[in-house]
Amino acid sequence: MKNLLTLFVLLIVSVGMAQKKDLPSVQLKDLDGKIVNIADYNKSDKPIIISFWATWCGPCLKELNAIKEVYSDWQEETGVELIAVSIDDAKSVKRVKPLVNGKGWEYKVLLDDNHELKRAMNVVNVPFTVIVYKGEIVYKHTSYTPGVEKELFRKVKALTGK
């Protein structure tokens, strides 16, 4: 009976941890080498879009380019912030900053070259996008098809009541 109770408690704890709905405490560097703890975004009152991407991922680049075209309008209307988390590894991470500068992206870009955040958030494929609002992950989306950015913005607007 004692073993059964222990097993039950472990099951409840593991299910609870698997259902975690906020951002984990993982430190990443931005393009200037400044360390950012991703969990700090749990404290934000504005919606945060986190987009996992890589320089070698065509659909990722298409999604971030599509959002670039409307991002300033999104920010003005809802206050949303987009954080682009590159999962490029040590071999390809040197390509991130030149690519971002060449594309003219105005997003905060963080480097997850050790894939610590990717593992912590169970990201399997990129692009992988989440919306965090008031400390809770409220939306997840994998892959990219043209127009999916409109759905993303609809979710952001619904959250902010705009």
Protein backbone atom coordinates (compact mmCIF):
# COMPACT_ATOMS: atom_id res chain seq x y z
CA MET A 1 0.00 0.00 0.00
CA LYS A 2 2.88 2.36 0.82
CA ASN A 3 4.45 1.69 -2.60
CA LEU A 4 1.12 2.33 -4.31
CA LEU A 5 0.74 5.67 -2.52
CA THR A 6 4.29 6.66 -3.45
CA LEU A 7 3.66 5.75 -7.08
CA PHE A 8 0.44 7.78 -7.07
CA VAL A 9 2.19 10.85 -5.63
CA LEU A 10 4.99 10.59 -8.22
CA LEU A 11 2.44 10.31 -11.00
CA ILE A 12 0.59 13.42 -9.82
CA VAL A 13 3.85 15.40 -9.53
CA SER A 14 5.06 14.34 -12.99
CA VAL A 15 1.72 15.19 -14.62
CA GLY A 16 1.78 18.56 -12.88
CA MET A 17 5.27 19.27 -14.14
CA ALA A 18 4.37 18.20 -17.68
CA GLN A 19 1.46 20.65 -17.63
CA LYS A 20 3.67 23.58 -16.62
CA LYS A 21 2.30 26.60 -18.42
CA ASP A 22 4.89 29.28 -17.83
CA LEU A 23 8.34 29.91 -19.26
CA PRO A 24 11.24 28.02 -17.67
CA SER A 25 14.20 29.75 -16.07
CA VAL A 26 16.78 29.50 -18.86
CA GLN A 27 19.48 32.06 -19.58
CA LEU A 28 20.25 32.90 -23.20
CA LYS A 29 22.42 35.52 -24.86
CA ASP A 30 21.12 38.17 -27.20
CA LEU A 31 23.02 39.24 -30.32
CA ASP A 32 25.14 41.66 -28.28
CA GLY A 33 26.14 38.99 -25.74
CA LYS A 34 23.83 40.27 -22.99
CA ILE A 35 22.33 37.50 -20.86
CA VAL A 36 18.54 37.30 -20.72
CA ASN A 37 16.56 34.96 -18.47
CA ILE A 38 13.55 33.88 -20.50
CA ALA A 39 11.51 33.42 -17.30
CA ASP A 40 11.58 37.20 -16.81
CA TYR A 41 8.95 37.40 -19.55
CA ASN A 42 6.51 35.62 -17.23
CA LYS A 43 6.20 38.96 -15.42
CA SER A 44 5.13 40.92 -18.50
CA ASP A 45 1.63 42.37 -18.74
CA LYS A 46 1.83 42.50 -22.52
CA PRO A 47 1.60 39.52 -24.86
CA ILE A 48 4.92 37.95 -25.81
CA ILE A 49 5.35 35.88 -28.96
CA ILE A 50 8.30 33.49 -28.84
CA SER A 51 9.29 32.07 -32.19
CA PHE A 52 11.87 29.28 -32.34
CA TRP A 53 13.72 29.36 -35.66
CA ALA A 54 17.02 28.59 -37.38
CA THR A 55 19.00 30.11 -40.24
CA TRP A 56 18.68 26.86 -42.22
CA CYS A 57 14.88 26.65 -41.82
CA GLY A 58 13.07 28.09 -44.85
CA PRO A 59 9.59 28.09 -43.27
CA CYS A 60 11.01 29.87 -40.20
CA LEU A 61 12.43 32.65 -42.34
CA LYS A 62 9.16 32.98 -44.26
CA GLU A 63 7.18 33.28 -41.02
CA LEU A 64 9.48 35.88 -39.47
CA ASN A 65 9.58 37.85 -42.74
CA ALA A 66 5.76 37.80 -42.96
CA ILE A 67 5.48 39.10 -39.40
CA LYS A 68 8.12 41.76 -40.10
CA GLU A 69 5.77 43.38 -42.60
CA VAL A 70 3.07 43.97 -39.95
CA TYR A 71 5.05 43.91 -36.69
CA SER A 72 5.07 47.67 -36.04
CA ASP A 73 1.28 47.76 -36.50
CA TRP A 74 0.90 44.82 -34.11
CA GLN A 75 3.05 46.56 -31.50
CA GLU A 76 1.16 49.81 -31.84
CA GLU A 77 -2.23 48.14 -31.55
CA THR A 78 -1.54 45.56 -28.82
CA GLY A 79 1.92 46.20 -27.31
CA VAL A 80 3.01 42.68 -28.34
CA GLU A 81 6.71 41.83 -28.31
CA LEU A 82 8.25 39.12 -30.47
CA ILE A 83 11.30 37.23 -29.31
CA ALA A 84 12.99 35.17 -32.02
CA VAL A 85 14.94 32.31 -30.41
CA SER A 86 17.56 30.90 -32.76
CA ILE A 87 18.32 27.21 -32.26
CA ASP A 88 21.36 27.35 -34.53
CA ASP A 89 24.13 25.25 -33.00
CA ALA A 90 27.77 26.21 -32.46
CA LYS A 91 28.56 25.55 -36.13
CA SER A 92 25.90 27.84 -37.60
CA VAL A 93 25.28 30.41 -34.84
CA LYS A 94 27.77 32.78 -36.52
CA ARG A 95 25.25 33.21 -39.35
CA VAL A 96 22.46 34.51 -37.10
CA LYS A 97 23.51 38.14 -36.59
CA PRO A 98 24.34 38.83 -40.26
CA LEU A 99 21.05 37.24 -41.34
CA VAL A 100 19.01 39.24 -38.81
CA ASN A 101 20.74 42.48 -39.82
CA GLY A 102 20.25 41.69 -43.52
CA LYS A 103 16.54 41.00 -43.03
CA GLY A 104 16.06 44.15 -40.95
CA TRP A 105 14.17 42.29 -38.24
CA GLU A 106 13.30 44.50 -35.28
CA TYR A 107 12.72 41.56 -32.96
CA LYS A 108 14.72 40.71 -29.89
CA VAL A 109 16.83 37.76 -30.99
CA LEU A 110 18.14 35.25 -28.46
CA LEU A 111 20.60 32.43 -29.09
CA ASP A 112 19.79 28.93 -27.83
CA ASP A 113 22.87 27.28 -29.33
CA ASN A 114 22.99 24.62 -26.58
CA HIS A 115 19.25 23.93 -27.08
CA GLU A 116 18.56 24.33 -23.38
CA LEU A 117 15.33 26.30 -23.87
CA LYS A 118 14.34 24.10 -26.80
CA ARG A 119 14.56 21.02 -24.55
CA ALA A 120 12.88 22.72 -21.59
CA MET A 121 9.90 23.65 -23.75
CA ASN A 122 9.75 20.32 -25.62
CA VAL A 123 10.30 21.93 -29.02
CA VAL A 124 10.66 19.19 -31.63
CA ASN A 125 10.42 21.03 -34.95
CA VAL A 126 10.83 24.62 -36.06
CA PRO A 127 9.21 26.95 -36.62
CA PHE A 128 7.57 26.60 -33.23
CA THR A 129 5.69 29.60 -31.89
CA VAL A 130 4.09 30.30 -28.52
CA ILE A 131 2.21 33.23 -27.07
CA VAL A 132 2.81 34.02 -23.41
CA TYR A 133 0.36 36.32 -21.66
CA LYS A 134 0.55 37.34 -18.02
CA GLY A 135 2.92 34.50 -17.22
CA GLU A 136 1.02 31.73 -18.96
CA ILE A 137 1.63 29.99 -22.27
CA VAL A 138 -1.76 30.41 -23.93
CA TYR A 139 -1.06 29.34 -27.51
CA LYS A 140 1.33 26.99 -29.35
CA HIS A 141 1.81 26.47 -33.06
CA THR A 142 4.20 24.37 -35.12
CA SER A 143 5.09 24.84 -38.80
CA TYR A 144 4.29 27.69 -41.15
CA THR A 145 1.81 28.20 -43.92
CA PRO A 146 1.15 31.59 -45.52
CA GLY A 147 -1.44 33.48 -43.51
CA VAL A 148 -0.78 31.78 -40.17
CA GLU A 149 0.55 35.11 -38.91
CA LYS A 150 -3.00 36.49 -39.21
CA GLU A 151 -4.25 33.78 -36.84
CA LEU A 152 -1.40 34.62 -34.47
CA PHE A 153 -2.42 38.28 -34.44
CA ARG A 154 -6.09 37.37 -33.91
CA LYS A 155 -5.05 35.45 -30.79
CA VAL A 156 -2.98 38.40 -29.54
CA LYS A 157 -5.87 40.82 -30.14
CA ALA A 158 -8.31 38.54 -28.33
CA LEU A 159 -6.00 38.37 -25.32
CA THR A 160 -5.67 42.12 -25.09
CA GLY A 161 -9.31 42.86 -25.90
CA LYS A 162 -8.34 45.05 -28.84
